[in-house]
Amino acid sequence: MASPNPELRRQVIAIYKELLHLGRNYPLGFGYFRPRLHKAFMANAQLKDEEEIRKGISRADFVRKEIEALYYLKKYRTLRKAYDGA
């Protein structure tokens, strides 16, 4: 059995760490976010096909962008409330 592509492994670990870092500010809390993130990655841990792994990485990247958009929206609403309400 061939060893997994080290570059793909590095990408998976990097996106996991990035999502974990973003989860610190998740509205429902890190305690809610972390187990779900771990479960999602473990559900795909058995993947061996490089194309399937790449699809998983792109899906994780999409989730990262969605979380960032959620944070920007929250920040925008907070600032708008602060300036409109004053």
PDB file of N, CA and C in Angstrom:
ATOM      1  N   MET A   1       0.843  -1.192   0.000  1.00  0.00           N
ATOM      2  CA  MET A   1       0.000   0.000   0.000  1.00  0.00           C
ATOM      3  C   MET A   1       0.884   1.249   0.000  1.00  0.00           C
ATOM      4  N   ALA A   2       0.609   2.151  -0.895  1.00  0.00           N
ATOM      5  CA  ALA A   2       1.392   3.379  -1.006  1.00  0.00           C
ATOM      6  C   ALA A   2       1.013   4.347   0.110  1.00  0.00           C
ATOM      7  N   SER A   3       1.995   5.109   0.542  1.00  0.00           N
ATOM      8  CA  SER A   3       1.714   6.097   1.585  1.00  0.00           C
ATOM      9  C   SER A   3       0.943   7.264   0.973  1.00  0.00           C
ATOM     10  N   PRO A   4       0.115   7.916   1.777  1.00  0.00           N
ATOM     11  CA  PRO A   4      -0.672   9.038   1.245  1.00  0.00           C
ATOM     12  C   PRO A   4       0.229  10.181   0.794  1.00  0.00           C
ATOM     13  N   ASN A   5      -0.283  10.967  -0.112  1.00  0.00           N
ATOM     14  CA  ASN A   5       0.443  12.107  -0.648  1.00  0.00           C
ATOM     15  C   ASN A   5       0.761  13.085   0.494  1.00  0.00           C
ATOM     16  N   PRO A   6       2.036  13.342   0.775  1.00  0.00           N
ATOM     17  CA  PRO A   6       2.387  14.230   1.897  1.00  0.00           C
ATOM     18  C   PRO A   6       1.881  15.661   1.708  1.00  0.00           C
ATOM     19  N   GLU A   7       1.785  16.113   0.472  1.00  0.00           N
ATOM     20  CA  GLU A   7       1.293  17.470   0.221  1.00  0.00           C
ATOM     21  C   GLU A   7      -0.185  17.574   0.589  1.00  0.00           C
ATOM     22  N   LEU A   8      -0.967  16.554   0.228  1.00  0.00           N
ATOM     23  CA  LEU A   8      -2.398  16.559   0.585  1.00  0.00           C
ATOM     24  C   LEU A   8      -2.559  16.482   2.097  1.00  0.00           C
ATOM     25  N   ARG A   9      -1.749  15.665   2.731  1.00  0.00           N
ATOM     26  CA  ARG A   9      -1.809  15.549   4.193  1.00  0.00           C
ATOM     27  C   ARG A   9      -1.533  16.906   4.846  1.00  0.00           C
ATOM     28  N   ARG A  10      -0.523  17.609   4.328  1.00  0.00           N
ATOM     29  CA  ARG A  10      -0.186  18.929   4.862  1.00  0.00           C
ATOM     30  C   ARG A  10      -1.350  19.899   4.682  1.00  0.00           C
ATOM     31  N   GLN A  11      -2.013  19.835   3.521  1.00  0.00           N
ATOM     32  CA  GLN A  11      -3.153  20.713   3.256  1.00  0.00           C
ATOM     33  C   GLN A  11      -4.320  20.423   4.199  1.00  0.00           C
ATOM     34  N   VAL A  12      -4.572  19.136   4.438  1.00  0.00           N
ATOM     35  CA  VAL A  12      -5.664  18.756   5.343  1.00  0.00           C
ATOM     36  C   VAL A  12      -5.387  19.262   6.748  1.00  0.00           C
ATOM     37  N   ILE A  13      -4.168  19.066   7.219  1.00  0.00           N
ATOM     38  CA  ILE A  13      -3.809  19.526   8.568  1.00  0.00           C
ATOM     39  C   ILE A  13      -3.897  21.045   8.653  1.00  0.00           C
ATOM     40  N   ALA A  14      -3.454  21.729   7.605  1.00  0.00           N
ATOM     41  CA  ALA A  14      -3.483  23.198   7.610  1.00  0.00           C
ATOM     42  C   ALA A  14      -4.913  23.723   7.666  1.00  0.00           C
ATOM     43  N   ILE A  15      -5.820  23.150   6.858  1.00  0.00           N
ATOM     44  CA  ILE A  15      -7.212  23.635   6.854  1.00  0.00           C
ATOM     45  C   ILE A  15      -7.891  23.287   8.181  1.00  0.00           C
ATOM     46  N   TYR A  16      -7.533  22.149   8.765  1.00  0.00           N
ATOM     47  CA  TYR A  16      -8.087  21.782  10.073  1.00  0.00           C
ATOM     48  C   TYR A  16      -7.663  22.802  11.130  1.00  0.00           C
ATOM     49  N   LYS A  17      -6.376  23.145  11.137  1.00  0.00           N
ATOM     50  CA  LYS A  17      -5.878  24.123  12.111  1.00  0.00           C
ATOM     51  C   LYS A  17      -6.510  25.489  11.901  1.00  0.00           C
ATOM     52  N   GLU A  18      -6.692  25.855  10.638  1.00  0.00           N
ATOM     53  CA  GLU A  18      -7.303  27.145  10.323  1.00  0.00           C
ATOM     54  C   GLU A  18      -8.744  27.188  10.831  1.00  0.00           C
ATOM     55  N   LEU A  19      -9.488  26.114  10.569  1.00  0.00           N
ATOM     56  CA  LEU A  19     -10.877  26.057  11.033  1.00  0.00           C
ATOM     57  C   LEU A  19     -10.939  26.035  12.557  1.00  0.00           C
ATOM     58  N   LEU A  20     -10.018  25.328  13.177  1.00  0.00           N
ATOM     59  CA  LEU A  20      -9.969  25.279  14.636  1.00  0.00           C
ATOM     60  C   LEU A  20      -9.721  26.673  15.207  1.00  0.00           C
ATOM     61  N   HIS A  21      -8.828  27.407  14.572  1.00  0.00           N
ATOM     62  CA  HIS A  21      -8.546  28.781  15.009  1.00  0.00           C
ATOM     63  C   HIS A  21      -9.782  29.671  14.828  1.00  0.00           C
ATOM     64  N   LEU A  22     -10.470  29.534  13.697  1.00  0.00           N
ATOM     65  CA  LEU A  22     -11.679  30.327  13.466  1.00  0.00           C
ATOM     66  C   LEU A  22     -12.774  29.971  14.473  1.00  0.00           C
ATOM     67  N   GLY A  23     -12.792  28.741  14.914  1.00  0.00           N
ATOM     68  CA  GLY A  23     -13.817  28.277  15.841  1.00  0.00           C
ATOM     69  C   GLY A  23     -13.756  28.926  17.203  1.00  0.00           C
ATOM     70  N   ARG A  24     -12.661  29.550  17.527  1.00  0.00           N
ATOM     71  CA  ARG A  24     -12.541  30.212  18.838  1.00  0.00           C
ATOM     72  C   ARG A  24     -13.562  31.325  19.013  1.00  0.00           C
ATOM     73  N   ASN A  25     -13.963  31.947  17.920  1.00  0.00           N
ATOM     74  CA  ASN A  25     -14.926  33.049  17.994  1.00  0.00           C
ATOM     75  C   ASN A  25     -16.317  32.634  17.532  1.00  0.00           C
ATOM     76  N   TYR A  26     -16.563  31.347  17.397  1.00  0.00           N
ATOM     77  CA  TYR A  26     -17.848  30.883  16.900  1.00  0.00           C
ATOM     78  C   TYR A  26     -18.950  31.312  17.862  1.00  0.00           C
ATOM     79  N   PRO A  27     -20.080  31.809  17.331  1.00  0.00           N
ATOM     80  CA  PRO A  27     -21.149  32.333  18.200  1.00  0.00           C
ATOM     81  C   PRO A  27     -21.666  31.349  19.250  1.00  0.00           C
ATOM     82  N   LEU A  28     -21.706  30.066  18.937  1.00  0.00           N
ATOM     83  CA  LEU A  28     -22.192  29.079  19.907  1.00  0.00           C
ATOM     84  C   LEU A  28     -21.085  28.560  20.816  1.00  0.00           C
ATOM     85  N   GLY A  29     -19.882  29.063  20.631  1.00  0.00           N
ATOM     86  CA  GLY A  29     -18.773  28.711  21.507  1.00  0.00           C
ATOM     87  C   GLY A  29     -17.865  27.641  20.922  1.00  0.00           C
ATOM     88  N   PHE A  30     -16.641  27.637  21.417  1.00  0.00           N
ATOM     89  CA  PHE A  30     -15.629  26.691  20.952  1.00  0.00           C
ATOM     90  C   PHE A  30     -15.994  25.267  21.347  1.00  0.00           C
ATOM     91  N   GLY A  31     -16.642  25.120  22.499  1.00  0.00           N
ATOM     92  CA  GLY A  31     -17.067  23.805  22.961  1.00  0.00           C
ATOM     93  C   GLY A  31     -18.107  23.168  22.055  1.00  0.00           C
ATOM     94  N   TYR A  32     -18.860  23.982  21.358  1.00  0.00           N
ATOM     95  CA  TYR A  32     -19.833  23.498  20.381  1.00  0.00           C
ATOM     96  C   TYR A  32     -19.138  23.204  19.051  1.00  0.00           C
ATOM     97  N   PHE A  33     -18.210  24.076  18.662  1.00  0.00           N
ATOM     98  CA  PHE A  33     -17.577  24.014  17.346  1.00  0.00           C
ATOM     99  C   PHE A  33     -16.581  22.858  17.213  1.00  0.00           C
ATOM    100  N   ARG A  34     -15.680  22.724  18.179  1.00  0.00           N
ATOM    101  CA  ARG A  34     -14.580  21.768  18.067  1.00  0.00           C
ATOM    102  C   ARG A  34     -15.022  20.326  17.885  1.00  0.00           C
ATOM    103  N   PRO A  35     -15.947  19.796  18.688  1.00  0.00           N
ATOM    104  CA  PRO A  35     -16.344  18.392  18.476  1.00  0.00           C
ATOM    105  C   PRO A  35     -16.972  18.150  17.104  1.00  0.00           C
ATOM    106  N   ARG A  36     -17.705  19.117  16.602  1.00  0.00           N
ATOM    107  CA  ARG A  36     -18.329  18.958  15.291  1.00  0.00           C
ATOM    108  C   ARG A  36     -17.291  18.990  14.172  1.00  0.00           C
ATOM    109  N   LEU A  37     -16.300  19.867  14.324  1.00  0.00           N
ATOM    110  CA  LEU A  37     -15.216  19.920  13.345  1.00  0.00           C
ATOM    111  C   LEU A  37     -14.453  18.602  13.348  1.00  0.00           C
ATOM    112  N   HIS A  38     -14.122  18.113  14.520  1.00  0.00           N
ATOM    113  CA  HIS A  38     -13.388  16.856  14.651  1.00  0.00           C
ATOM    114  C   HIS A  38     -14.183  15.705  14.031  1.00  0.00           C
ATOM    115  N   LYS A  39     -15.467  15.659  14.318  1.00  0.00           N
ATOM    116  CA  LYS A  39     -16.325  14.599  13.779  1.00  0.00           C
ATOM    117  C   LYS A  39     -16.371  14.647  12.253  1.00  0.00           C
ATOM    118  N   ALA A  40     -16.452  15.855  11.692  1.00  0.00           N
ATOM    119  CA  ALA A  40     -16.498  16.007  10.232  1.00  0.00           C
ATOM    120  C   ALA A  40     -15.200  15.521   9.595  1.00  0.00           C
ATOM    121  N   PHE A  41     -14.064  15.843  10.206  1.00  0.00           N
ATOM    122  CA  PHE A  41     -12.792  15.404   9.640  1.00  0.00           C
ATOM    123  C   PHE A  41     -12.592  13.898   9.833  1.00  0.00           C
ATOM    124  N   MET A  42     -13.014  13.377  10.961  1.00  0.00           N
ATOM    125  CA  MET A  42     -12.849  11.939  11.206  1.00  0.00           C
ATOM    126  C   MET A  42     -13.752  11.109  10.291  1.00  0.00           C
ATOM    127  N   ALA A  43     -14.871  11.669   9.887  1.00  0.00           N
ATOM    128  CA  ALA A  43     -15.772  10.959   8.974  1.00  0.00           C
ATOM    129  C   ALA A  43     -15.106  10.748   7.615  1.00  0.00           C
ATOM    130  N   ASN A  44     -14.140  11.588   7.287  1.00  0.00           N
ATOM    131  CA  ASN A  44     -13.438  11.479   6.006  1.00  0.00           C
ATOM    132  C   ASN A  44     -12.008  10.966   6.164  1.00  0.00           C
ATOM    133  N   ALA A  45     -11.645  10.515   7.338  1.00  0.00           N
ATOM    134  CA  ALA A  45     -10.271  10.080   7.596  1.00  0.00           C
ATOM    135  C   ALA A  45      -9.890   8.837   6.797  1.00  0.00           C
ATOM    136  N   GLN A  46     -10.860   8.035   6.400  1.00  0.00           N
ATOM    137  CA  GLN A  46     -10.567   6.790   5.694  1.00  0.00           C
ATOM    138  C   GLN A  46     -10.350   6.999   4.196  1.00  0.00           C
ATOM    139  N   LEU A  47     -10.532   8.216   3.701  1.00  0.00           N
ATOM    140  CA  LEU A  47     -10.378   8.479   2.266  1.00  0.00           C
ATOM    141  C   LEU A  47      -8.948   8.200   1.819  1.00  0.00           C
ATOM    142  N   LYS A  48      -8.816   7.478   0.703  1.00  0.00           N
ATOM    143  CA  LYS A  48      -7.496   7.164   0.151  1.00  0.00           C
ATOM    144  C   LYS A  48      -7.311   7.752  -1.242  1.00  0.00           C
ATOM    145  N   ASP A  49      -8.413   7.939  -1.962  1.00  0.00           N
ATOM    146  CA  ASP A  49      -8.351   8.468  -3.316  1.00  0.00           C
ATOM    147  C   ASP A  49      -7.995   9.950  -3.275  1.00  0.00           C
ATOM    148  N   GLU A  50      -6.957  10.335  -4.000  1.00  0.00           N
ATOM    149  CA  GLU A  50      -6.489  11.723  -3.965  1.00  0.00           C
ATOM    150  C   GLU A  50      -7.559  12.702  -4.429  1.00  0.00           C
ATOM    151  N   GLU A  51      -8.352  12.316  -5.412  1.00  0.00           N
ATOM    152  CA  GLU A  51      -9.408  13.203  -5.914  1.00  0.00           C
ATOM    153  C   GLU A  51     -10.467  13.443  -4.834  1.00  0.00           C
ATOM    154  N   GLU A  52     -10.824  12.402  -4.100  1.00  0.00           N
ATOM    155  CA  GLU A  52     -11.795  12.538  -3.011  1.00  0.00           C
ATOM    156  C   GLU A  52     -11.226  13.420  -1.893  1.00  0.00           C
ATOM    157  N   ILE A  53      -9.957  13.277  -1.613  1.00  0.00           N
ATOM    158  CA  ILE A  53      -9.313  14.106  -0.584  1.00  0.00           C
ATOM    159  C   ILE A  53      -9.320  15.566  -1.024  1.00  0.00           C
ATOM    160  N   ARG A  54      -9.033  15.816  -2.302  1.00  0.00           N
ATOM    161  CA  ARG A  54      -9.063  17.187  -2.822  1.00  0.00           C
ATOM    162  C   ARG A  54     -10.468  17.786  -2.710  1.00  0.00           C
ATOM    163  N   LYS A  55     -11.497  16.975  -2.990  1.00  0.00           N
ATOM    164  CA  LYS A  55     -12.881  17.443  -2.848  1.00  0.00           C
ATOM    165  C   LYS A  55     -13.172  17.804  -1.395  1.00  0.00           C
ATOM    166  N   GLY A  56     -12.685  16.989  -0.474  1.00  0.00           N
ATOM    167  CA  GLY A  56     -12.866  17.268   0.946  1.00  0.00           C
ATOM    168  C   GLY A  56     -12.179  18.555   1.365  1.00  0.00           C
ATOM    169  N   ILE A  57     -10.986  18.780   0.831  1.00  0.00           N
ATOM    170  CA  ILE A  57     -10.250  20.011   1.138  1.00  0.00           C
ATOM    171  C   ILE A  57     -11.011  21.221   0.610  1.00  0.00           C
ATOM    172  N   SER A  58     -11.542  21.111  -0.610  1.00  0.00           N
ATOM    173  CA  SER A  58     -12.287  22.250  -1.170  1.00  0.00           C
ATOM    174  C   SER A  58     -13.575  22.495  -0.391  1.00  0.00           C
ATOM    175  N   ARG A  59     -14.209  21.427   0.100  1.00  0.00           N
ATOM    176  CA  ARG A  59     -15.412  21.575   0.924  1.00  0.00           C
ATOM    177  C   ARG A  59     -15.065  22.278   2.236  1.00  0.00           C
ATOM    178  N   ALA A  60     -13.939  21.892   2.842  1.00  0.00           N
ATOM    179  CA  ALA A  60     -13.488  22.530   4.083  1.00  0.00           C
ATOM    180  C   ALA A  60     -13.141  23.997   3.845  1.00  0.00           C
ATOM    181  N   ASP A  61     -12.560  24.293   2.684  1.00  0.00           N
ATOM    182  CA  ASP A  61     -12.235  25.679   2.344  1.00  0.00           C
ATOM    183  C   ASP A  61     -13.512  26.502   2.188  1.00  0.00           C
ATOM    184  N   PHE A  62     -14.536  25.905   1.595  1.00  0.00           N
ATOM    185  CA  PHE A  62     -15.824  26.581   1.462  1.00  0.00           C
ATOM    186  C   PHE A  62     -16.408  26.893   2.841  1.00  0.00           C
ATOM    187  N   VAL A  63     -16.331  25.932   3.752  1.00  0.00           N
ATOM    188  CA  VAL A  63     -16.827  26.133   5.119  1.00  0.00           C
ATOM    189  C   VAL A  63     -16.046  27.257   5.796  1.00  0.00           C
ATOM    190  N   ARG A  64     -14.728  27.289   5.572  1.00  0.00           N
ATOM    191  CA  ARG A  64     -13.900  28.357   6.148  1.00  0.00           C
ATOM    192  C   ARG A  64     -14.369  29.723   5.662  1.00  0.00           C
ATOM    193  N   LYS A  65     -14.641  29.828   4.376  1.00  0.00           N
ATOM    194  CA  LYS A  65     -15.108  31.105   3.819  1.00  0.00           C
ATOM    195  C   LYS A  65     -16.470  31.489   4.381  1.00  0.00           C
ATOM    196  N   GLU A  66     -17.341  30.511   4.575  1.00  0.00           N
ATOM    197  CA  GLU A  66     -18.661  30.778   5.153  1.00  0.00           C
ATOM    198  C   GLU A  66     -18.539  31.275   6.592  1.00  0.00           C
ATOM    199  N   ILE A  67     -17.655  30.683   7.362  1.00  0.00           N
ATOM    200  CA  ILE A  67     -17.456  31.102   8.750  1.00  0.00           C
ATOM    201  C   ILE A  67     -16.886  32.516   8.796  1.00  0.00           C
ATOM    202  N   GLU A  68     -15.921  32.805   7.918  1.00  0.00           N
ATOM    203  CA  GLU A  68     -15.367  34.157   7.859  1.00  0.00           C
ATOM    204  C   GLU A  68     -16.448  35.174   7.489  1.00  0.00           C
ATOM    205  N   ALA A  69     -17.323  34.809   6.548  1.00  0.00           N
ATOM    206  CA  ALA A  69     -18.418  35.705   6.160  1.00  0.00           C
ATOM    207  C   ALA A  69     -19.352  35.943   7.341  1.00  0.00           C
ATOM    208  N   LEU A  70     -19.614  34.897   8.121  1.00  0.00           N
ATOM    209  CA  LEU A  70     -20.451  35.020   9.310  1.00  0.00           C
ATOM    210  C   LEU A  70     -19.836  36.012  10.294  1.00  0.00           C
ATOM    211  N   TYR A  71     -18.513  35.926  10.483  1.00  0.00           N
ATOM    212  CA  TYR A  71     -17.836  36.831  11.409  1.00  0.00           C
ATOM    213  C   TYR A  71     -17.871  38.274  10.915  1.00  0.00           C
ATOM    214  N   TYR A  72     -17.636  38.464   9.611  1.00  0.00           N
ATOM    215  CA  TYR A  72     -17.674  39.820   9.054  1.00  0.00           C
ATOM    216  C   TYR A  72     -19.070  40.416   9.178  1.00  0.00           C
ATOM    217  N   LEU A  73     -20.080  39.606   8.950  1.00  0.00           N
ATOM    218  CA  LEU A  73     -21.452  40.079   9.079  1.00  0.00           C
ATOM    219  C   LEU A  73     -21.755  40.469  10.522  1.00  0.00           C
ATOM    220  N   LYS A  74     -21.294  39.652  11.462  1.00  0.00           N
ATOM    221  CA  LYS A  74     -21.508  39.954  12.873  1.00  0.00           C
ATOM    222  C   LYS A  74     -20.808  41.265  13.253  1.00  0.00           C
ATOM    223  N   LYS A  75     -19.577  41.433  12.779  1.00  0.00           N
ATOM    224  CA  LYS A  75     -18.822  42.659  13.056  1.00  0.00           C
ATOM    225  C   LYS A  75     -19.525  43.873  12.435  1.00  0.00           C
ATOM    226  N   TYR A  76     -19.987  43.714  11.202  1.00  0.00           N
ATOM    227  CA  TYR A  76     -20.688  44.792  10.508  1.00  0.00           C
ATOM    228  C   TYR A  76     -21.949  45.199  11.263  1.00  0.00           C
ATOM    229  N   ARG A  77     -22.725  44.222  11.678  1.00  0.00           N
ATOM    230  CA  ARG A  77     -23.965  44.522  12.414  1.00  0.00           C
ATOM    231  C   ARG A  77     -23.683  45.212  13.733  1.00  0.00           C
ATOM    232  N   THR A  78     -22.626  44.779  14.418  1.00  0.00           N
ATOM    233  CA  THR A  78     -22.261  45.396  15.692  1.00  0.00           C
ATOM    234  C   THR A  78     -21.859  46.856  15.483  1.00  0.00           C
ATOM    235  N   LEU A  79     -21.020  47.097  14.469  1.00  0.00           N
ATOM    236  CA  LEU A  79     -20.599  48.479  14.188  1.00  0.00           C
ATOM    237  C   LEU A  79     -21.773  49.342  13.747  1.00  0.00           C
ATOM    238  N   ARG A  80     -22.632  48.780  12.930  1.00  0.00           N
ATOM    239  CA  ARG A  80     -23.785  49.543  12.446  1.00  0.00           C
ATOM    240  C   ARG A  80     -24.715  49.902  13.605  1.00  0.00           C
ATOM    241  N   LYS A  81     -24.921  48.959  14.490  1.00  0.00           N
ATOM    242  CA  LYS A  81     -25.771  49.210  15.652  1.00  0.00           C
ATOM    243  C   LYS A  81     -25.154  50.292  16.541  1.00  0.00           C
ATOM    244  N   ALA A  82     -23.840  50.253  16.681  1.00  0.00           N
ATOM    245  CA  ALA A  82     -23.138  51.225  17.525  1.00  0.00           C
ATOM    246  C   ALA A  82     -23.250  52.632  16.953  1.00  0.00           C
ATOM    247  N   TYR A  83     -23.151  52.765  15.638  1.00  0.00           N
ATOM    248  CA  TYR A  83     -23.184  54.093  15.029  1.00  0.00           C
ATOM    249  C   TYR A  83     -24.593  54.580  14.723  1.00  0.00           C
ATOM    250  N   ASP A  84     -25.488  53.692  14.357  1.00  0.00           N
ATOM    251  CA  ASP A  84     -26.863  54.098  14.083  1.00  0.00           C
ATOM    252  C   ASP A  84     -27.643  54.374  15.362  1.00  0.00           C
ATOM    253  N   GLY A  85     -27.314  53.637  16.400  1.00  0.00           N
ATOM    254  CA  GLY A  85     -28.050  53.786  17.646  1.00  0.00           C
ATOM    255  C   GLY A  85     -27.615  54.982  18.475  1.00  0.00           C
ATOM    256  N   ALA A  86     -26.473  55.550  18.166  1.00  0.00           N
ATOM    257  CA  ALA A  86     -25.944  56.654  18.980  1.00  0.00           C
ATOM    258  C   ALA A  86     -26.587  57.977  18.659  1.00  0.00           C
TER     259      ALA A  86
END
